[in-house]
N, C-alpha and C. Protein backbone atom coordinates (compact mmCIF):
# COMPACT_ATOMS: atom_id res chain seq x y z
N MET A 1 0.88 -1.07 0.01
CA MET A 1 -0.06 -0.01 -0.02
C MET A 1 0.77 1.00 -0.19
N THR A 2 0.78 2.23 -0.81
CA THR A 2 1.15 3.63 -1.12
C THR A 2 0.84 4.53 0.10
N THR A 3 1.75 5.06 0.91
CA THR A 3 1.40 6.13 1.91
C THR A 3 1.70 7.42 1.21
N PHE A 4 0.82 8.33 1.32
CA PHE A 4 1.15 9.51 0.98
C PHE A 4 1.28 10.57 2.09
N SER A 5 2.27 11.58 2.11
CA SER A 5 2.60 12.42 3.12
C SER A 5 1.38 13.52 2.99
N ARG A 6 1.17 14.12 4.19
CA ARG A 6 0.11 15.47 4.26
C ARG A 6 0.52 16.43 3.35
N GLY A 7 -0.45 16.85 2.47
CA GLY A 7 -0.39 17.93 1.74
C GLY A 7 -0.46 19.22 2.35
N ARG A 8 -0.15 20.35 1.78
CA ARG A 8 -0.07 21.85 2.44
C ARG A 8 -0.77 22.71 1.49
N LEU A 9 -1.81 23.53 1.85
CA LEU A 9 -2.42 24.59 1.00
C LEU A 9 -1.99 25.94 1.57
N ILE A 10 -1.69 26.64 0.81
CA ILE A 10 -1.14 28.07 1.41
C ILE A 10 -2.16 28.92 0.42
N VAL A 11 -3.05 29.64 1.07
CA VAL A 11 -3.91 30.75 0.31
C VAL A 11 -3.22 32.09 0.73
N VAL A 12 -2.83 32.77 -0.38
CA VAL A 12 -2.49 34.09 -0.17
C VAL A 12 -3.46 35.15 -0.66
N CYS A 13 -3.77 35.98 0.30
CA CYS A 13 -5.02 36.78 0.09
C CYS A 13 -4.61 38.28 0.21
N GLY A 14 -5.35 39.10 -0.31
CA GLY A 14 -4.99 40.44 -0.57
C GLY A 14 -5.44 41.23 -1.65
N LEU A 15 -5.48 42.47 -1.89
CA LEU A 15 -5.95 43.13 -3.05
C LEU A 15 -4.89 43.37 -4.01
N PRO A 16 -4.95 43.66 -5.36
CA PRO A 16 -3.76 44.03 -6.18
C PRO A 16 -3.01 45.06 -5.48
N GLY A 17 -1.49 44.65 -5.69
CA GLY A 17 -0.50 45.56 -5.30
C GLY A 17 -0.29 45.00 -3.93
N SER A 18 -0.74 44.12 -3.16
CA SER A 18 -0.50 43.86 -1.81
C SER A 18 0.84 42.89 -1.43
N GLY A 19 1.32 42.41 -2.74
CA GLY A 19 2.55 41.89 -2.65
C GLY A 19 2.27 40.28 -2.66
N LYS A 20 1.09 39.86 -3.13
CA LYS A 20 0.77 38.42 -3.02
C LYS A 20 1.82 37.70 -3.94
N THR A 21 1.84 38.09 -5.38
CA THR A 21 2.83 37.32 -6.03
C THR A 21 4.37 37.32 -5.65
N THR A 22 4.92 38.52 -5.07
CA THR A 22 5.96 38.47 -4.34
C THR A 22 6.15 37.50 -3.27
N HIS A 23 5.28 37.42 -2.41
CA HIS A 23 5.22 36.53 -1.41
C HIS A 23 5.20 35.16 -1.88
N ALA A 24 4.31 34.91 -2.70
CA ALA A 24 4.03 33.58 -3.05
C ALA A 24 5.42 33.05 -3.81
N ILE A 25 6.03 33.75 -4.51
CA ILE A 25 7.03 33.25 -5.18
C ILE A 25 8.33 32.96 -4.19
N GLN A 26 8.24 33.73 -3.17
CA GLN A 26 9.31 33.46 -2.13
C GLN A 26 8.93 32.21 -1.38
N LEU A 27 7.51 31.93 -1.22
CA LEU A 27 7.17 30.55 -0.41
C LEU A 27 7.43 29.49 -1.50
N GLU A 28 7.05 29.70 -2.68
CA GLU A 28 7.55 28.68 -3.69
C GLU A 28 8.84 28.11 -3.55
N SER A 29 9.82 28.96 -3.52
CA SER A 29 11.04 28.68 -3.71
C SER A 29 11.56 28.24 -2.38
N LYS A 30 11.21 28.72 -1.23
CA LYS A 30 11.65 28.16 -0.07
C LYS A 30 10.99 26.95 0.42
N LEU A 31 9.74 26.52 0.14
CA LEU A 31 9.06 25.54 0.30
C LEU A 31 9.13 24.41 -0.86
N GLY A 32 9.32 24.67 -2.05
CA GLY A 32 9.37 23.72 -3.18
C GLY A 32 8.08 23.46 -3.64
N GLY A 33 7.11 24.43 -3.44
CA GLY A 33 5.59 24.41 -3.53
C GLY A 33 5.53 24.48 -5.01
N ILE A 34 4.21 24.57 -5.49
CA ILE A 34 3.58 24.97 -6.66
C ILE A 34 2.58 25.99 -6.65
N ARG A 35 2.87 27.04 -7.41
CA ARG A 35 2.14 28.24 -7.11
C ARG A 35 1.23 28.41 -8.13
N LEU A 36 -0.09 28.84 -7.89
CA LEU A 36 -1.01 28.94 -8.87
C LEU A 36 -1.71 30.39 -9.01
N ASN A 37 -1.41 30.97 -10.02
CA ASN A 37 -1.96 32.51 -10.22
C ASN A 37 -2.79 32.55 -11.57
N ALA A 38 -3.93 32.88 -11.52
CA ALA A 38 -4.76 32.93 -12.49
C ALA A 38 -4.29 33.92 -13.75
N ASP A 39 -3.81 34.95 -13.17
CA ASP A 39 -3.21 36.14 -14.34
C ASP A 39 -2.02 35.38 -14.85
N GLU A 40 -1.29 34.55 -14.38
CA GLU A 40 -0.06 34.00 -15.15
C GLU A 40 -0.43 33.02 -16.18
N TRP A 41 -1.82 32.50 -16.05
CA TRP A 41 -2.36 31.64 -17.15
C TRP A 41 -3.20 32.37 -18.10
N MET A 42 -3.74 33.49 -17.93
CA MET A 42 -4.77 34.39 -18.75
C MET A 42 -3.87 34.94 -19.55
N ALA A 43 -2.92 35.65 -19.19
CA ALA A 43 -2.04 36.67 -19.97
C ALA A 43 -1.24 35.94 -21.07
N PRO A 44 -0.64 34.91 -20.98
CA PRO A 44 -0.08 34.22 -22.11
C PRO A 44 -1.14 33.50 -23.14
N LEU A 45 -2.36 33.45 -22.84
CA LEU A 45 -3.30 32.95 -23.61
C LEU A 45 -4.07 33.98 -24.23
N GLY A 46 -3.55 35.20 -23.87
CA GLY A 46 -4.43 36.52 -24.60
C GLY A 46 -5.71 36.80 -24.04
N ILE A 47 -6.04 36.26 -22.77
CA ILE A 47 -7.34 36.50 -22.32
C ILE A 47 -7.32 37.85 -21.30
N ASP A 48 -8.21 38.59 -21.55
CA ASP A 48 -8.37 39.92 -20.97
C ASP A 48 -8.32 39.32 -19.33
N LEU A 49 -7.77 40.07 -18.52
CA LEU A 49 -7.38 39.87 -17.01
C LEU A 49 -8.66 40.24 -16.41
N TYR A 50 -9.43 41.05 -16.91
CA TYR A 50 -10.68 41.46 -16.33
C TYR A 50 -12.03 40.63 -16.83
N ASP A 51 -11.64 39.58 -17.49
CA ASP A 51 -12.79 38.87 -17.85
C ASP A 51 -12.98 37.79 -16.89
N GLU A 52 -13.99 38.20 -15.90
CA GLU A 52 -14.39 37.26 -14.73
C GLU A 52 -14.94 36.05 -15.11
N GLU A 53 -15.69 35.73 -15.93
CA GLU A 53 -16.11 34.54 -16.34
C GLU A 53 -14.76 33.33 -16.76
N MET A 54 -13.89 34.07 -17.68
CA MET A 54 -12.80 33.16 -17.88
C MET A 54 -11.86 32.93 -16.71
N ARG A 55 -11.80 34.07 -15.88
CA ARG A 55 -10.78 33.87 -14.69
C ARG A 55 -11.65 32.64 -13.66
N ALA A 56 -12.73 32.67 -13.59
CA ALA A 56 -13.37 31.67 -13.00
C ALA A 56 -13.15 30.11 -13.30
N LYS A 57 -13.11 30.28 -14.81
CA LYS A 57 -12.82 28.87 -15.43
C LYS A 57 -11.39 28.55 -15.04
N ILE A 58 -10.49 29.51 -15.32
CA ILE A 58 -9.19 29.12 -14.94
C ILE A 58 -8.83 28.70 -13.62
N GLU A 59 -9.65 29.66 -12.65
CA GLU A 59 -9.29 29.15 -11.14
C GLU A 59 -10.01 27.76 -11.00
N ALA A 60 -11.07 27.51 -11.61
CA ALA A 60 -11.55 25.97 -11.23
C ALA A 60 -10.59 25.05 -11.84
N LEU A 61 -10.06 25.24 -13.04
CA LEU A 61 -8.93 24.19 -13.40
C LEU A 61 -7.63 24.04 -12.57
N GLN A 62 -7.44 25.44 -11.93
CA GLN A 62 -6.17 25.41 -11.05
C GLN A 62 -6.57 24.73 -9.79
N TRP A 63 -7.99 24.74 -9.44
CA TRP A 63 -8.40 24.12 -8.08
C TRP A 63 -8.24 22.64 -8.35
N LYS A 64 -8.75 22.16 -9.50
CA LYS A 64 -8.58 20.70 -9.76
C LYS A 64 -7.24 20.15 -9.63
N LEU A 65 -6.20 21.01 -10.35
CA LEU A 65 -4.85 20.50 -10.38
C LEU A 65 -4.47 20.55 -8.80
N ALA A 66 -5.01 21.41 -8.04
CA ALA A 66 -4.30 21.80 -6.70
C ALA A 66 -4.75 20.74 -5.95
N GLN A 67 -5.81 20.15 -5.98
CA GLN A 67 -6.41 19.18 -5.17
C GLN A 67 -5.73 17.70 -5.55
N ARG A 68 -5.23 17.59 -6.70
CA ARG A 68 -4.48 16.28 -7.14
C ARG A 68 -3.06 16.52 -6.37
N LEU A 69 -2.34 17.65 -6.52
CA LEU A 69 -1.29 17.81 -5.94
C LEU A 69 -1.24 17.65 -4.51
N LEU A 70 -2.23 18.20 -3.74
CA LEU A 70 -2.53 18.02 -2.23
C LEU A 70 -2.67 16.50 -1.87
N LYS A 71 -3.32 15.85 -2.64
CA LYS A 71 -3.45 14.35 -2.47
C LYS A 71 -2.04 13.73 -2.50
N LEU A 72 -1.15 14.13 -3.36
CA LEU A 72 0.17 13.82 -3.47
C LEU A 72 0.92 14.12 -2.34
N GLY A 73 0.54 14.88 -1.43
CA GLY A 73 1.48 15.56 -0.31
C GLY A 73 2.12 16.54 -0.57
N MET A 74 1.90 17.38 -1.77
CA MET A 74 2.67 18.57 -2.21
C MET A 74 2.13 19.83 -1.44
N THR A 75 2.96 20.88 -1.48
CA THR A 75 2.59 22.20 -1.01
C THR A 75 2.11 22.90 -2.18
N VAL A 76 0.86 23.37 -2.33
CA VAL A 76 0.29 24.35 -3.20
C VAL A 76 0.05 25.66 -2.72
N ILE A 77 0.38 26.58 -3.48
CA ILE A 77 0.29 27.92 -3.08
C ILE A 77 -0.68 28.78 -4.13
N ILE A 78 -1.94 29.14 -3.45
CA ILE A 78 -2.95 29.65 -4.24
C ILE A 78 -2.75 31.28 -4.23
N GLU A 79 -2.66 31.85 -5.32
CA GLU A 79 -2.68 33.39 -4.87
C GLU A 79 -3.74 34.18 -5.90
N TRP A 80 -4.92 33.81 -5.63
CA TRP A 80 -6.23 34.42 -6.40
C TRP A 80 -6.74 35.82 -5.92
N GLY A 81 -6.10 36.12 -4.58
CA GLY A 81 -6.56 37.37 -3.97
C GLY A 81 -7.79 36.78 -2.81
N THR A 82 -8.56 35.85 -3.21
CA THR A 82 -9.42 35.55 -2.27
C THR A 82 -10.05 36.53 -1.48
N TRP A 83 -10.80 37.46 -1.96
CA TRP A 83 -11.38 38.60 -1.41
C TRP A 83 -12.65 38.32 -0.46
N GLY A 84 -13.12 37.29 -0.25
CA GLY A 84 -14.45 36.98 0.39
C GLY A 84 -14.10 35.75 1.32
N ARG A 85 -14.89 35.91 2.26
CA ARG A 85 -14.76 34.78 3.45
C ARG A 85 -15.09 33.55 2.66
N ALA A 86 -16.31 33.61 2.21
CA ALA A 86 -17.02 32.10 1.54
C ALA A 86 -15.81 31.54 0.56
N GLU A 87 -15.27 32.24 -0.06
CA GLU A 87 -14.09 31.53 -1.05
C GLU A 87 -13.03 30.96 -0.09
N ARG A 88 -12.66 31.56 0.71
CA ARG A 88 -11.50 31.28 1.51
C ARG A 88 -11.97 29.77 2.62
N ASP A 89 -13.24 30.12 2.99
CA ASP A 89 -13.98 28.99 3.78
C ASP A 89 -13.94 27.56 2.77
N ALA A 90 -14.44 27.79 1.68
CA ALA A 90 -14.42 26.70 0.66
C ALA A 90 -13.21 26.08 0.37
N LEU A 91 -12.22 26.86 0.35
CA LEU A 91 -10.85 26.23 -0.12
C LEU A 91 -10.28 25.43 1.18
N ARG A 92 -10.38 26.11 2.20
CA ARG A 92 -10.09 25.54 3.62
C ARG A 92 -10.73 24.02 3.77
N GLU A 93 -12.13 24.29 3.51
CA GLU A 93 -12.85 22.92 3.93
C GLU A 93 -12.39 21.76 3.02
N SER A 94 -12.47 22.25 1.63
CA SER A 94 -12.11 21.26 0.55
C SER A 94 -10.72 20.61 0.77
N ALA A 95 -9.67 21.36 1.14
CA ALA A 95 -8.33 20.98 1.23
C ALA A 95 -8.29 20.08 2.59
N ARG A 96 -8.83 20.56 3.60
CA ARG A 96 -9.19 19.85 4.83
C ARG A 96 -9.50 18.54 4.71
N ALA A 97 -10.70 18.39 3.89
CA ALA A 97 -11.16 16.92 3.48
C ALA A 97 -10.40 16.02 2.93
N LEU A 98 -9.28 16.63 2.17
CA LEU A 98 -8.09 15.95 1.48
C LEU A 98 -6.93 15.52 2.55
N GLY A 99 -7.18 16.12 3.88
CA GLY A 99 -6.22 15.74 4.84
C GLY A 99 -5.13 16.79 4.83
N ALA A 100 -5.22 17.87 3.96
CA ALA A 100 -4.02 18.65 3.89
C ALA A 100 -4.14 19.84 5.04
N ALA A 101 -3.04 20.29 5.41
CA ALA A 101 -2.97 21.53 6.06
C ALA A 101 -3.40 22.80 5.37
N VAL A 102 -3.83 23.77 6.10
CA VAL A 102 -4.06 24.73 5.29
C VAL A 102 -3.68 26.15 5.98
N GLU A 103 -2.92 27.06 5.18
CA GLU A 103 -2.53 28.24 5.94
C GLU A 103 -3.21 29.20 5.03
N LEU A 104 -3.59 30.45 5.83
CA LEU A 104 -3.92 31.67 5.21
C LEU A 104 -2.79 32.79 5.42
N HIS A 105 -2.41 33.23 4.56
CA HIS A 105 -1.38 34.55 4.47
C HIS A 105 -2.09 35.71 3.98
N TYR A 106 -2.38 36.59 4.82
CA TYR A 106 -3.31 37.77 4.49
C TYR A 106 -2.19 38.82 4.37
N LEU A 107 -2.01 39.52 3.42
CA LEU A 107 -1.14 40.75 3.04
C LEU A 107 -2.00 41.91 2.99
N PRO A 108 -2.05 42.85 4.12
CA PRO A 108 -2.82 44.22 4.06
C PRO A 108 -1.85 45.22 3.60
N ALA A 109 -2.39 46.14 3.03
CA ALA A 109 -1.51 47.54 2.82
C ALA A 109 -2.75 48.63 2.53
N PRO A 110 -2.35 49.80 3.02
CA PRO A 110 -3.37 51.01 2.71
C PRO A 110 -3.67 51.13 1.22
N VAL A 111 -4.81 51.59 0.77
CA VAL A 111 -5.01 51.99 -0.61
C VAL A 111 -4.09 52.80 -1.45
N GLU A 112 -3.52 53.83 -0.57
CA GLU A 112 -2.18 54.73 -1.03
C GLU A 112 -1.31 53.69 -1.54
N VAL A 113 -0.60 52.73 -0.75
CA VAL A 113 0.52 51.99 -0.95
C VAL A 113 0.18 51.03 -2.20
N LEU A 114 -1.27 50.57 -2.20
CA LEU A 114 -1.66 49.70 -3.07
C LEU A 114 -1.47 50.37 -4.57
N PHE A 115 -1.80 51.39 -4.45
CA PHE A 115 -2.18 52.20 -5.99
C PHE A 115 -0.63 52.70 -6.34
N GLU A 116 -0.03 52.89 -5.36
CA GLU A 116 1.50 53.26 -5.96
C GLU A 116 2.25 52.09 -6.50
N ARG A 117 2.26 50.96 -5.85
CA ARG A 117 2.60 49.87 -6.22
C ARG A 117 2.37 49.34 -7.83
N ILE A 118 1.00 49.41 -7.63
CA ILE A 118 0.25 49.16 -9.22
C ILE A 118 0.71 49.96 -10.11
N GLN A 119 0.79 51.24 -10.00
CA GLN A 119 1.17 52.18 -10.94
C GLN A 119 2.66 52.02 -11.33
N ARG A 120 3.60 51.57 -10.36
CA ARG A 120 4.91 51.27 -10.36
C ARG A 120 5.08 50.06 -11.31
N ARG A 121 4.40 49.18 -11.21
CA ARG A 121 4.51 47.92 -12.06
C ARG A 121 4.03 48.04 -13.23
N GLY A 122 2.96 48.69 -13.43
CA GLY A 122 2.56 48.87 -14.97
C GLY A 122 2.06 47.66 -15.62
N MET A 123 1.68 46.65 -15.13
CA MET A 123 1.31 45.39 -15.94
C MET A 123 -0.19 45.13 -16.34
N GLU A 124 -1.30 46.17 -15.57
CA GLU A 124 -2.60 45.95 -16.17
C GLU A 124 -3.00 47.01 -17.37
N SER A 125 -3.36 46.21 -18.19
CA SER A 125 -4.16 46.91 -19.49
C SER A 125 -5.41 46.69 -19.58
N PRO A 126 -6.50 47.76 -19.40
CA PRO A 126 -6.16 49.25 -19.01
C PRO A 126 -5.71 49.14 -17.42
N PRO A 127 -4.90 50.23 -17.14
CA PRO A 127 -4.52 50.35 -15.90
C PRO A 127 -5.55 50.46 -14.78
N ILE A 128 -5.25 49.84 -13.59
CA ILE A 128 -6.34 50.05 -12.46
C ILE A 128 -6.47 51.48 -11.94
N GLU A 129 -7.45 51.99 -11.98
CA GLU A 129 -7.82 53.38 -11.49
C GLU A 129 -7.73 53.19 -10.17
N ARG A 130 -7.56 54.37 -9.41
CA ARG A 130 -7.50 54.62 -8.03
C ARG A 130 -9.08 54.49 -7.49
N GLU A 131 -10.07 54.84 -8.23
CA GLU A 131 -11.54 54.87 -7.89
C GLU A 131 -11.90 53.42 -7.70
N SER A 132 -11.36 52.57 -8.67
CA SER A 132 -11.78 51.02 -8.61
C SER A 132 -11.20 50.22 -7.48
N LEU A 133 -9.72 50.69 -7.11
CA LEU A 133 -9.01 50.22 -6.07
C LEU A 133 -9.71 50.56 -4.63
N GLU A 134 -10.24 51.76 -4.51
CA GLU A 134 -11.01 52.13 -3.64
C GLU A 134 -12.33 51.27 -3.37
N GLN A 135 -12.85 51.05 -4.37
CA GLN A 135 -14.26 50.48 -4.37
C GLN A 135 -13.89 48.89 -3.95
N TRP A 136 -12.86 48.26 -4.69
CA TRP A 136 -12.51 46.85 -4.15
C TRP A 136 -12.06 46.90 -2.63
N ALA A 137 -11.48 47.79 -2.25
CA ALA A 137 -11.14 47.76 -0.86
C ALA A 137 -12.57 47.86 0.10
N ARG A 138 -13.50 48.68 -0.39
CA ARG A 138 -14.68 48.51 0.58
C ARG A 138 -15.15 47.35 0.31
N ILE A 139 -15.18 46.43 -0.63
CA ILE A 139 -15.99 45.09 -0.84
C ILE A 139 -15.15 44.10 -0.27
N PHE A 140 -13.82 44.22 -0.12
CA PHE A 140 -12.78 43.04 0.22
C PHE A 140 -13.29 42.82 1.90
N GLN A 141 -13.43 41.52 2.01
CA GLN A 141 -13.62 40.87 3.29
C GLN A 141 -12.40 40.45 4.10
N THR A 142 -11.87 41.43 4.75
CA THR A 142 -10.57 41.36 5.60
C THR A 142 -10.92 40.08 6.50
N PRO A 143 -9.79 39.20 6.61
CA PRO A 143 -9.90 38.23 7.37
C PRO A 143 -9.90 38.51 8.91
N THR A 144 -10.70 38.16 9.70
CA THR A 144 -10.89 38.45 10.86
C THR A 144 -9.97 37.54 11.90
N THR A 145 -9.71 38.02 13.22
CA THR A 145 -9.11 37.06 14.24
C THR A 145 -9.60 35.78 14.21
N GLU A 146 -10.87 35.58 14.28
CA GLU A 146 -11.62 34.51 14.44
C GLU A 146 -11.51 33.60 13.06
N GLU A 147 -11.53 34.18 12.05
CA GLU A 147 -11.41 33.54 10.98
C GLU A 147 -9.82 32.95 10.71
N MET A 148 -8.89 33.70 10.78
CA MET A 148 -7.67 33.28 10.94
C MET A 148 -7.32 32.02 11.74
N ALA A 149 -7.94 31.94 13.11
CA ALA A 149 -7.91 30.90 13.86
C ALA A 149 -8.19 29.71 13.43
N LEU A 150 -9.31 29.70 12.36
CA LEU A 150 -9.62 28.38 11.68
C LEU A 150 -8.46 27.81 10.66
N PHE A 151 -7.47 28.44 10.51
CA PHE A 151 -6.31 28.03 9.56
C PHE A 151 -5.14 27.43 10.55
N ASP A 152 -4.22 26.80 9.85
CA ASP A 152 -3.17 26.27 10.46
C ASP A 152 -2.03 27.12 10.56
N VAL A 153 -1.29 27.32 11.53
CA VAL A 153 -0.06 28.49 11.87
C VAL A 153 0.74 28.25 10.73
N ALA A 154 1.19 29.24 10.02
CA ALA A 154 2.26 29.17 9.09
C ALA A 154 3.57 28.63 9.74
N SER A 155 4.15 27.81 9.04
CA SER A 155 5.33 27.11 9.71
C SER A 155 6.55 27.62 8.98
């Protein structure tokens, strides 16, 4: 009988410009994990990064792959932003059902800092406007202390 080691899911959470990709790349290198980022699949395929329907399809494909990797005992780093508590809960519950440890890495930053970083990197087309970022910050569901307690402690 084959024995598999326990997988590990790391959910990197934050708004655009919060440093999710930088953080996830560091984790990927340090932990030997597999990093999944919808933008990095969409852009090479010529898919508009603002196409929410296609983003949902890409994330669904990435989640299928992530589940297979978790079953094999691998570390998977998801950097979709995960703006809503329900999305984070669903990822946590599904990964735990597979026997995986689940960490939430929340990267907060003030809107002023986010906007400056976004302008400096200049990768979005069309560029993200400050008004959009402010609107997103209002709808973003910041992880509470109670929610963070549902996740495993980052090791």
